[in-house]
Protein backbone atom coordinates (compact mmCIF):
# COMPACT_ATOMS: atom_id res chain seq x y z
CA UNK A 1 0.00 0.00 0.00
CA UNK A 2 2.83 2.42 0.82
CA UNK A 3 4.30 1.94 -2.66
CA UNK A 4 0.87 2.66 -4.17
CA UNK A 5 0.48 5.89 -2.19
CA UNK A 6 4.00 6.94 -3.17
CA UNK A 7 3.09 6.48 -6.82
CA UNK A 8 -0.09 8.50 -6.39
CA UNK A 9 1.77 11.39 -4.76
CA UNK A 10 4.47 11.29 -7.41
CA UNK A 11 1.93 11.46 -10.22
CA UNK A 12 0.21 14.57 -8.89
CA UNK A 13 3.52 16.16 -7.94
CA UNK A 14 5.00 15.40 -11.36
CA UNK A 15 2.03 17.02 -13.13
CA UNK A 16 2.35 20.18 -11.05
CA UNK A 17 6.11 20.35 -11.63
CA UNK A 18 5.54 19.91 -15.37
CA UNK A 19 3.06 22.81 -15.44
CA UNK A 20 5.50 24.98 -13.47
CA UNK A 21 8.15 24.31 -16.13
CA UNK A 22 5.77 25.14 -19.01
CA UNK A 23 4.61 28.41 -17.42
CA UNK A 24 8.21 29.39 -16.69
CA UNK A 25 9.10 28.85 -20.36
CA UNK A 26 6.06 30.96 -21.37
CA UNK A 27 7.53 33.94 -19.49
CA UNK A 28 10.39 33.85 -22.05
CA UNK A 29 8.04 33.59 -25.04
CA UNK A 30 4.86 35.59 -24.26
CA UNK A 31 5.47 39.37 -24.23
CA UNK A 32 5.08 41.03 -20.85
CA UNK A 33 2.28 43.54 -20.47
CA UNK A 34 0.07 45.19 -17.92
CA UNK A 35 -3.20 47.10 -17.48
CA UNK A 36 -3.54 50.05 -15.17
CA UNK A 37 -5.67 49.33 -12.11
CA UNK A 38 -7.81 51.43 -9.78
CA UNK A 39 -9.30 50.61 -6.41
CA UNK A 40 -13.05 49.99 -6.44
CA UNK A 41 -14.94 48.70 -3.39
CA UNK A 42 -11.66 47.61 -1.84
CA UNK A 43 -10.51 45.69 -4.94
CA UNK A 44 -7.92 46.46 -7.61
CA UNK A 45 -9.94 46.65 -10.85
CA UNK A 46 -8.49 46.71 -14.38
CA UNK A 47 -8.96 49.93 -16.39
CA UNK A 48 -10.05 49.03 -19.98
CA UNK A 49 -7.94 50.41 -22.80
CA UNK A 50 -4.84 50.94 -20.65
CA UNK A 51 -2.89 47.85 -21.67
CA UNK A 52 0.75 48.53 -22.46
CA UNK A 53 3.86 46.47 -22.91
CA UNK A 54 6.28 46.38 -19.99
CA UNK A 55 9.82 45.11 -19.65
CA UNK A 56 10.02 41.35 -20.11
CA UNK A 57 10.33 39.50 -16.80
CA UNK A 58 11.46 35.93 -17.55
CA UNK A 59 11.49 33.68 -14.51
CA UNK A 60 14.87 32.06 -13.98
CA UNK A 61 15.76 28.89 -12.04
CA UNK A 62 16.07 30.67 -8.67
CA UNK A 63 12.74 32.46 -9.21
CA UNK A 64 11.16 29.06 -9.84
CA UNK A 65 12.67 27.61 -6.67
CA UNK A 66 11.43 30.55 -4.61
CA UNK A 67 7.89 30.33 -5.98
CA UNK A 68 6.72 27.33 -3.86
CA UNK A 69 8.11 29.01 -0.73
CA UNK A 70 6.18 32.18 -1.58
CA UNK A 71 3.24 29.91 -2.37
CA UNK A 72 3.14 28.89 1.29
CA UNK A 73 2.69 32.55 2.25
CA UNK A 74 -0.05 33.06 -0.36
CA UNK A 75 -1.99 29.98 0.74
CA UNK A 76 -1.19 30.14 4.47
CA UNK A 77 -4.83 30.69 5.42
CA UNK A 78 -5.98 27.67 3.39
CA UNK A 79 -3.14 25.53 4.74
CA UNK A 80 -3.90 26.40 8.37
CA UNK A 81 -7.58 25.80 7.61
CA UNK A 82 -6.77 22.28 6.35
CA UNK A 83 -4.41 21.49 9.23
CA UNK A 84 -7.02 22.53 11.79
CA UNK A 85 -9.76 20.56 10.03
CA UNK A 86 -7.49 17.50 9.88
CA UNK A 87 -6.67 17.78 13.58
CA UNK A 88 -10.23 18.38 14.75
CA UNK A 89 -11.76 15.62 12.62
CA UNK A 90 -9.11 13.23 13.94
CA UNK A 91 -10.14 14.15 17.51
CA UNK A 92 -13.81 13.57 16.70
CA UNK A 93 -12.94 10.29 14.99
CA UNK A 94 -10.97 9.11 18.06
CA UNK A 95 -14.07 9.60 20.23
CA UNK A 96 -15.71 6.92 18.06
CA UNK A 97 -18.59 9.27 17.26
CA UNK A 98 -17.99 9.32 13.50
CA UNK A 99 -17.75 5.53 13.21
CA UNK A 100 -20.81 5.03 15.40
CA UNK A 101 -22.79 7.72 13.56
CA UNK A 102 -21.90 6.27 10.17
CA UNK A 103 -22.80 2.83 11.48
CA UNK A 104 -26.19 4.13 12.58
CA UNK A 105 -26.77 5.73 9.18
CA UNK A 106 -25.70 2.53 7.45
CA UNK A 107 -28.05 0.44 9.59
CA UNK A 108 -30.88 2.84 8.75
CA UNK A 109 -30.33 2.34 5.02
CA UNK A 110 -30.04 -1.42 5.51
CA UNK A 111 -33.43 -1.44 7.23
CA UNK A 112 -34.84 0.81 4.50
CA UNK A 113 -32.92 -0.15 1.35
CA UNK A 114 -35.58 1.53 -0.78
CA UNK A 115 -34.24 4.88 0.49
CA UNK A 116 -30.59 4.21 -0.39
CA UNK A 117 -31.08 5.89 -3.77
CA UNK A 118 -31.64 9.22 -1.96
CA UNK A 119 -28.04 9.39 -0.71
CA UNK A 120 -26.55 10.75 -3.95
CA UNK A 121 -29.30 13.16 -5.07
CA UNK A 122 -29.94 14.64 -1.63
CA UNK A 123 -26.22 15.07 -0.99
CA UNK A 124 -25.52 16.74 -4.33
CA UNK A 125 -28.61 18.97 -4.16
CA UNK A 126 -27.63 20.15 -0.66
CA UNK A 127 -24.06 21.06 -1.59
CA UNK A 128 -25.05 22.43 -5.00
CA UNK A 129 -27.56 24.73 -3.33
CA UNK A 130 -24.86 25.95 -0.95
CA UNK A 131 -22.54 26.67 -3.88
CA UNK A 132 -25.28 28.42 -5.84
CA UNK A 133 -26.45 30.69 -3.02
CA UNK A 134 -23.49 31.69 -0.87
CA UNK A 135 -20.58 30.35 -2.94
CA UNK A 136 -19.55 27.31 -0.90
CA UNK A 137 -16.10 26.20 -2.05
CA UNK A 138 -13.40 25.60 0.57
CA UNK A 139 -16.12 24.80 3.11
CA UNK A 140 -16.95 21.60 1.20
CA UNK A 141 -13.59 20.16 2.28
CA UNK A 142 -14.92 19.88 5.83
CA UNK A 143 -17.45 17.27 4.78
CA UNK A 144 -15.24 15.02 2.63
CA UNK A 145 -13.73 13.05 5.56
CA UNK A 146 -17.31 12.42 6.72
CA UNK A 147 -18.71 11.43 3.33
CA UNK A 148 -15.88 9.02 2.43
CA UNK A 149 -16.65 6.50 5.22
CA UNK A 150 -20.39 7.09 4.79
CA UNK A 151 -20.17 6.27 1.08
CA UNK A 152 -18.08 3.17 1.85
CA UNK A 153 -20.60 1.98 4.44
CA UNK A 154 -23.35 2.14 1.80
CA UNK A 155 -21.38 0.07 -0.70
CA UNK A 156 -20.03 2.96 -2.78
CA UNK A 157 -16.42 4.22 -2.96
CA UNK A 158 -14.21 7.05 -1.75
CA UNK A 159 -14.41 8.80 -5.12
CA UNK A 160 -18.14 9.34 -4.55
CA UNK A 161 -17.40 10.38 -0.97
CA UNK A 162 -15.19 13.12 -2.41
CA UNK A 163 -17.44 14.00 -5.35
CA UNK A 164 -20.74 14.49 -3.51
CA UNK A 165 -19.56 17.47 -1.40
CA UNK A 166 -16.78 18.70 -3.73
CA UNK A 167 -18.39 18.34 -7.19
CA UNK A 168 -21.81 19.07 -5.68
CA UNK A 169 -20.59 22.44 -4.38
CA UNK A 170 -18.66 22.94 -7.64
CA UNK A 171 -21.69 22.59 -9.89
CA UNK A 172 -23.62 25.00 -7.67
CA UNK A 173 -20.74 27.49 -7.73
CA UNK A 174 -20.54 27.34 -11.54
CA UNK A 175 -24.28 27.44 -12.23
CA UNK A 176 -25.03 29.83 -9.38
CA UNK A 177 -27.95 32.21 -9.20
CA UNK A 178 -26.93 34.34 -6.16
CA UNK A 179 -23.25 33.45 -5.61
CA UNK A 180 -21.78 36.76 -4.35
CA UNK A 181 -18.23 35.83 -5.47
CA UNK A 182 -19.15 35.35 -9.13
CA UNK A 183 -22.61 36.67 -10.03
CA UNK A 184 -22.62 39.46 -7.44
CA UNK A 185 -19.17 40.94 -8.16
CA UNK A 186 -19.39 40.46 -11.94
CA UNK A 187 -22.80 42.14 -12.17
CA UNK A 188 -21.54 45.00 -10.01
CA UNK A 189 -18.53 45.62 -12.26
CA UNK A 190 -20.65 45.24 -15.42
CA UNK A 191 -23.20 47.72 -13.98
CA UNK A 192 -26.00 45.17 -14.24
CA UNK A 193 -28.71 45.21 -11.51
CA UNK A 194 -27.64 42.92 -8.68
CA UNK A 195 -28.99 39.35 -9.06
CA UNK A 196 -31.04 40.28 -12.13
CA UNK A 197 -31.73 37.46 -14.59
CA UNK A 198 -32.42 35.17 -11.63
CA UNK A 199 -35.05 33.04 -13.39
CA UNK A 200 -32.82 31.90 -16.25
CA UNK A 201 -29.89 31.29 -13.92
CA UNK A 202 -32.08 29.17 -11.66
CA UNK A 203 -33.14 27.07 -14.66
CA UNK A 204 -29.47 26.56 -15.57
CA UNK A 205 -28.73 25.49 -11.99
CA UNK A 206 -31.55 22.93 -12.02
CA UNK A 207 -30.42 21.40 -15.33
CA UNK A 208 -26.74 21.21 -14.33
CA UNK A 209 -27.51 19.74 -10.91
CA UNK A 210 -29.75 17.06 -12.44
CA UNK A 211 -27.01 16.17 -14.94
CA UNK A 212 -24.43 15.75 -12.14
CA UNK A 213 -26.84 13.61 -10.08
CA UNK A 214 -27.47 11.38 -13.11
CA UNK A 215 -23.76 11.07 -13.91
CA UNK A 216 -22.87 10.17 -10.31
CA UNK A 217 -25.75 7.70 -10.05
CA UNK A 218 -24.64 5.87 -13.22
CA UNK A 219 -21.11 5.58 -11.79
CA UNK A 220 -22.52 4.37 -8.45
CA UNK A 221 -24.48 1.57 -10.13
CA UNK A 222 -21.36 0.60 -12.09
CA UNK A 223 -19.14 0.17 -9.03
CA UNK A 224 -21.83 -1.62 -7.04
CA UNK A 225 -21.93 -4.23 -9.80
CA UNK A 226 -18.14 -4.32 -10.19
CA UNK A 227 -16.21 -2.83 -7.20
CA UNK A 228 -12.90 -3.24 -9.05
CA UNK A 229 -14.08 -0.61 -11.56
CA UNK A 230 -13.87 1.95 -8.77
CA UNK A 231 -11.46 4.86 -9.12
CA UNK A 232 -10.26 4.23 -5.56
CA UNK A 233 -10.54 0.43 -5.26
CA UNK A 234 -7.11 -0.19 -3.63
CA UNK A 235 -7.46 2.76 -1.24
CA UNK A 236 -10.96 1.64 -0.26
CA UNK A 237 -9.84 -1.89 0.60
CA UNK A 238 -7.48 -0.45 3.21
CA UNK A 239 -9.93 2.22 4.37
CA UNK A 240 -12.69 -0.33 5.01
CA UNK A 241 -10.35 -2.33 7.23
CA UNK A 242 -9.31 0.82 9.11
CA UNK A 243 -12.96 1.74 9.69
CA UNK A 244 -13.90 -1.90 10.43
CA UNK A 245 -16.97 -1.53 8.23
CA UNK A 246 -17.29 -5.26 7.75
CA UNK A 247 -17.96 -5.68 11.47
CA UNK A 248 -21.26 -5.02 13.18
CA UNK A 249 -21.75 -1.31 13.84
CA UNK A 250 -20.98 -0.41 17.47
CA UNK A 251 -23.88 0.85 19.52
CA UNK A 252 -23.71 4.61 19.76
CA UNK A 253 -23.11 5.86 23.32
CA UNK A 254 -24.57 8.89 25.03
CA UNK A 255 -21.27 10.75 24.89
CA UNK A 256 -20.92 10.02 21.18
CA UNK A 257 -24.40 11.43 20.64
CA UNK A 258 -23.28 14.59 22.45
CA UNK A 259 -20.20 14.81 20.21
CA UNK A 260 -22.34 14.42 17.08
CA UNK A 261 -24.82 16.99 18.40
CA UNK A 262 -21.95 19.43 19.00
CA UNK A 263 -20.68 18.79 15.47
CA UNK A 264 -24.17 19.43 14.05
CA UNK A 265 -24.47 22.64 16.07
CA UNK A 266 -21.06 23.68 14.76
CA UNK A 267 -22.24 23.17 11.17
CA UNK A 268 -25.31 25.30 11.90
CA UNK A 269 -23.07 28.04 13.29
CA UNK A 270 -20.91 27.79 10.15
CA UNK A 271 -23.93 28.31 7.87
CA UNK A 272 -25.19 31.23 9.95
CA UNK A 273 -21.71 32.80 10.00
CA UNK A 274 -21.22 32.51 6.24
CA UNK A 275 -24.73 33.83 5.52
CA UNK A 276 -24.59 36.53 8.23
CA UNK A 277 -24.87 39.54 5.85
CA UNK A 278 -27.83 38.00 3.97
CA UNK A 279 -29.59 36.99 7.20
CA UNK A 280 -29.13 40.44 8.76
CA UNK A 281 -30.31 42.16 5.55
CA UNK A 282 -33.40 39.94 5.40
CA UNK A 283 -34.31 40.70 9.04
CA UNK A 284 -33.71 44.41 8.52
CA UNK A 285 -35.82 44.55 5.35
CA UNK A 286 -38.75 42.57 6.78
CA UNK A 287 -38.81 43.57 10.45
CA UNK A 288 -36.73 46.76 10.53
CA UNK A 289 -34.32 45.29 13.09
CA UNK A 290 -30.64 46.17 12.56
CA UNK A 291 -28.82 43.18 14.04
CA UNK A 292 -25.45 44.49 12.84
CA UNK A 293 -25.73 47.55 15.06
CA UNK A 294 -27.65 45.87 17.88
CA UNK A 295 -25.16 43.01 18.32
CA UNK A 296 -22.09 44.96 17.11
CA UNK A 297 -21.54 42.48 14.28
CA UNK A 298 -19.04 42.94 11.47
CA UNK A 299 -20.59 43.50 8.05
CA UNK A 300 -18.75 40.68 6.30
CA UNK A 301 -19.66 37.01 6.48
CA UNK A 302 -17.26 34.40 7.75
CA UNK A 303 -14.44 33.11 5.62
CA UNK A 304 -11.53 30.71 6.14
CA UNK A 305 -10.08 32.27 9.32
CA UNK A 306 -13.43 32.40 11.11
CA UNK A 307 -14.40 28.88 9.99
CA UNK A 308 -11.05 27.46 11.13
CA UNK A 309 -11.49 29.21 14.49
CA UNK A 310 -14.97 27.70 14.84
CA UNK A 311 -13.57 24.24 14.13
CA UNK A 312 -10.72 24.68 16.59
CA UNK A 313 -13.21 25.52 19.33
CA UNK A 314 -15.40 22.61 18.19
CA UNK A 315 -12.40 20.28 18.56
CA UNK A 316 -11.89 21.28 22.19
CA UNK A 317 -15.61 20.89 22.94
CA UNK A 318 -15.77 17.44 21.31
CA UNK A 319 -12.64 16.34 23.17
CA UNK A 320 -14.23 17.31 26.48
CA UNK A 321 -17.58 15.72 25.60
CA UNK A 322 -15.74 12.56 24.49
CA UNK A 323 -13.96 12.46 27.86
CA UNK A 324 -10.52 12.46 26.23
CA UNK A 325 -7.43 12.94 28.37
CA UNK A 326 -5.06 15.74 27.36
CA UNK A 327 -2.47 13.31 25.99
CA UNK A 328 -5.14 11.49 23.95
CA UNK A 329 -6.36 14.82 22.59
CA UNK A 330 -2.78 15.86 21.76
CA UNK A 331 -2.01 12.59 19.95
CA UNK A 332 -5.29 12.58 18.00
CA UNK A 333 -5.06 16.24 16.98
CA UNK A 334 -1.48 16.09 15.70
CA UNK A 335 -2.08 12.77 13.95
CA UNK A 336 -4.71 14.62 11.92
CA UNK A 337 -2.38 17.56 11.32
CA UNK A 338 0.38 15.25 10.07
CA UNK A 339 -2.08 13.60 7.71
CA UNK A 340 -2.67 16.98 6.03
CA UNK A 341 1.01 17.93 5.71
CA UNK A 342 1.50 16.32 2.29
CA UNK A 343 -1.58 18.05 0.88
CA UNK A 344 -0.33 21.37 2.29
CA UNK A 345 2.99 21.05 0.45
CA UNK A 346 1.22 20.22 -2.82
CA UNK A 347 -0.79 23.43 -2.40
CA UNK A 348 2.44 25.42 -2.15
CA UNK A 349 3.74 23.99 -5.42
CA UNK A 350 0.36 24.49 -7.13
CA UNK A 351 0.38 28.14 -6.05
CA UNK A 352 3.86 28.50 -7.51
CA UNK A 353 2.32 28.21 -10.99
CA UNK A 354 0.23 31.33 -10.38
CA UNK A 355 3.16 33.23 -8.85
CA UNK A 356 5.44 32.54 -11.83
CA UNK A 357 2.74 33.65 -14.31
CA UNK A 358 2.05 36.87 -12.40
CA UNK A 359 5.71 37.74 -11.90
CA UNK A 360 6.32 37.10 -15.59
CA UNK A 361 3.54 39.62 -16.47
CA UNK A 362 1.95 37.30 -19.03
CA UNK A 363 -1.65 37.20 -17.74
CA UNK A 364 -2.62 40.71 -18.88
CA UNK A 365 -1.03 40.08 -22.28
CA UNK A 366 -3.10 36.93 -22.76
CA UNK A 367 -6.25 38.82 -21.74
CA UNK A 368 -5.51 41.62 -24.22
CA UNK A 369 -4.85 39.19 -27.07
CA UNK A 370 -7.96 37.12 -26.51
CA UNK A 371 -10.36 40.00 -25.84
CA UNK A 372 -9.10 41.63 -29.05
CA UNK A 373 -9.90 38.48 -31.03
CA UNK A 374 -13.42 38.17 -29.59
CA UNK A 375 -14.73 41.45 -31.04
CA UNK A 376 -14.42 40.17 -34.62
CA UNK A 377 -16.75 37.19 -34.05
CA UNK A 378 -20.52 36.71 -34.44
CA UNK A 379 -22.23 37.60 -31.11
CA UNK A 380 -23.02 33.97 -30.21
CA UNK A 381 -19.51 32.82 -31.09
CA UNK A 382 -18.13 35.83 -29.23
CA UNK A 383 -19.99 34.80 -26.06
CA UNK A 384 -18.58 31.29 -26.46
CA UNK A 385 -15.07 32.69 -26.93
CA UNK A 386 -15.51 34.89 -23.84
CA UNK A 387 -16.50 31.81 -21.87
CA UNK A 388 -13.39 29.91 -23.00
CA UNK A 389 -11.25 32.97 -22.25
CA UNK A 390 -12.47 32.73 -18.67
CA UNK A 391 -11.47 29.05 -18.62
CA UNK A 392 -7.92 29.92 -19.67
CA UNK A 393 -7.68 32.69 -17.07
CA UNK A 394 -9.19 30.29 -14.53
CA UNK A 395 -6.12 28.08 -14.85
CA UNK A 396 -3.97 30.89 -13.46
CA UNK A 397 -6.53 32.55 -11.16
CA UNK A 398 -8.94 29.98 -9.64
CA UNK A 399 -10.59 32.63 -7.47
CA UNK A 400 -14.01 33.66 -8.81
CA UNK A 401 -13.76 37.21 -7.45
CA UNK A 402 -10.15 37.47 -8.69
CA UNK A 403 -11.20 36.65 -12.26
CA UNK A 404 -14.10 39.08 -12.02
CA UNK A 405 -11.94 42.08 -11.14
CA UNK A 406 -9.36 41.13 -13.80
CA UNK A 407 -11.60 40.36 -16.78
CA UNK A 408 -15.03 41.96 -16.35
CA UNK A 409 -13.82 45.59 -16.63
CA UNK A 410 -12.44 44.64 -20.08
CA UNK A 411 -15.23 42.33 -21.26
CA UNK A 412 -18.26 44.28 -20.02
CA UNK A 413 -17.81 47.28 -22.38
CA UNK A 414 -16.70 44.83 -25.10
CA UNK A 415 -20.16 43.23 -24.86
CA UNK A 416 -21.71 46.52 -26.00
CA UNK A 417 -19.54 46.49 -29.14
CA UNK A 418 -20.14 42.88 -30.23
CA UNK A 419 -23.94 42.82 -29.90
CA UNK A 420 -24.55 40.84 -26.71
CA UNK A 421 -25.93 42.09 -23.42
CA UNK A 422 -23.73 42.63 -20.41
CA UNK A 423 -25.95 40.11 -18.61
CA UNK A 424 -24.89 37.50 -21.19
CA UNK A 425 -21.24 38.43 -20.70
CA UNK A 426 -21.65 37.92 -16.96
CA UNK A 427 -23.12 34.47 -17.66
CA UNK A 428 -20.20 33.63 -19.97
CA UNK A 429 -17.80 34.70 -17.20
CA UNK A 430 -19.70 32.69 -14.61
CA UNK A 431 -19.83 29.43 -16.59
CA UNK A 432 -16.40 29.59 -18.21
CA UNK A 433 -14.61 30.63 -15.05
CA UNK A 434 -15.93 27.91 -12.75
CA UNK A 435 -16.30 24.47 -14.36
CA UNK A 436 -12.58 23.84 -14.51
CA UNK A 437 -12.30 24.34 -10.75
CA UNK A 438 -13.34 20.73 -10.13
CA UNK A 439 -10.36 19.44 -12.15
CA UNK A 440 -7.53 21.94 -11.97
CA UNK A 441 -4.05 21.42 -10.50
CA UNK A 442 -3.64 25.13 -9.73
CA UNK A 443 -6.71 25.20 -7.48
CA UNK A 444 -5.80 24.46 -3.84
CA UNK A 445 -9.31 23.13 -3.14
CA UNK A 446 -9.04 20.53 -5.93
CA UNK A 447 -5.66 19.28 -4.68
CA UNK A 448 -6.94 19.10 -1.11
CA UNK A 449 -10.19 17.35 -2.06
CA UNK A 450 -8.64 14.52 -4.05
CA UNK A 451 -5.85 14.28 -1.49
CA UNK A 452 -8.32 13.03 1.12
CA UNK A 453 -8.81 9.84 -0.92
CA UNK A 454 -5.22 9.71 -2.27
CA UNK A 455 -6.45 10.09 -5.84
CA UNK A 456 -3.74 11.18 -8.26
CA UNK A 457 -4.61 14.23 -10.32
CA UNK A 458 -4.20 12.26 -13.55
CA UNK A 459 -6.73 9.62 -12.48
CA UNK A 460 -9.16 12.24 -11.20
CA UNK A 461 -8.95 14.20 -14.46
CA UNK A 462 -9.57 11.06 -16.53
CA UNK A 463 -12.61 10.24 -14.37
CA UNK A 464 -14.15 13.71 -14.28
CA UNK A 465 -13.32 14.73 -17.89
CA UNK A 466 -16.51 13.32 -19.51
CA UNK A 467 -18.62 15.29 -17.04
CA UNK A 468 -16.58 18.43 -17.72
CA UNK A 469 -17.03 18.07 -21.49
CA UNK A 470 -20.78 17.61 -21.03
CA UNK A 471 -20.97 20.72 -18.85
CA UNK A 472 -19.13 22.82 -21.42
CA UNK A 473 -21.44 21.60 -24.20
CA UNK A 474 -24.43 22.56 -22.05
CA UNK A 475 -22.83 25.94 -21.31
CA UNK A 476 -22.46 26.67 -25.02
CA UNK A 477 -26.16 25.87 -25.38
CA UNK A 478 -27.10 28.11 -22.41
CA UNK A 479 -25.47 31.10 -24.14
CA UNK A 480 -27.62 30.83 -27.29
CA UNK A 481 -31.13 31.81 -26.00
CA UNK A 482 -29.93 35.12 -24.47
CA UNK A 483 -28.85 36.35 -27.92
CA UNK A 484 -32.31 35.79 -29.42
CA UNK A 485 -34.26 37.00 -26.38
CA UNK A 486 -32.11 40.00 -25.50
CA UNK A 487 -31.77 38.65 -21.94
């Protein structure tokens, strides 16, 4: 097994190193250029029409070696987030609550096998809705260590345990109707009324979510008939033995119920914290009560730092409820932290790709070239080209808000010139800039998600590629009706 895991890590690592080399070479070939930027709502926004060539900045060998070290600094919040999650989930697991809870869920489905089919659709709909409404992304990582053993207990595999929260949130993020990080920021920059066009976006979300449910369900039936066809067959054989899933499920104790209740309460707090601005606005609009002022709350919703802090506190609470001694808590917590260390280092090297591209000043040049080519196309083809432009930029800037502030100031006025609405350009940005996030080596969330099940990036890409192709074909189709309806 150790040799297998070594091979898996090498494959992903080799792919990332190969991309680093290619991007470094590009800094010698692609001319360096830059747009002027101004601050708008606390963000640095590109000024259209200000592109100019700058001195070439090729990245040499020492620059390449420094990039992963700088990548640690750039992703430090995400890395600490993962280390804390790993430690806390290990503590909860050592209380036996996770195993007992999964056993109880498995027994429930065994008693009611007719309800087993609900596991995939309900899971994907839940996470997709979270991605579509408040932009769940990194938060989905919290649930993967829970869904892997749950999927295994129901006769599925770890790949589905990863895909239900990760791909579920990903499809919601891409086909969102109120995601503030994509739809909200892009519409604001494009000067389109906030969350306008909601009906058509909701229809797109429904179609895409149904497609993902169907695709996952077909795969689930395939591996139930032939477990060796699973993407994670070897890993699952070991994981089942570790979890002792073949044995009778242990009876859940009172303390384990308290631990699970605390975990559930923590998840509720997470949702409330992330949605805090929307909740406070809703209460203020309907009942005139200003909770922000009354409770002295900050205007922004929670992000990685706040969520990690919540989980750290949750770990202490669960350790106390599980009656763990300090040494047991220490051992369990740092076992979980060590388990995340390899993923954390892969994130640093993945971030190095972005650092090299930015330092080489090639991103703005690529944007200028491609936006210039779009304006000569038929409006429908131009919207398709704009979508694919976002996909290319997405490789270097996985952040939805980051792509919005880079590309929308250039593409929004371009929409006026090529005969499509700015609303359509926002949709092209939204679809093109998000699908690749579920299969991209430069996205820290992707590397972390597949790392939980020790899936190499190459194997994950091969598995998810048919779904990605289908989603892009659908996205091309979604951009046609707006041209004829003036949406």
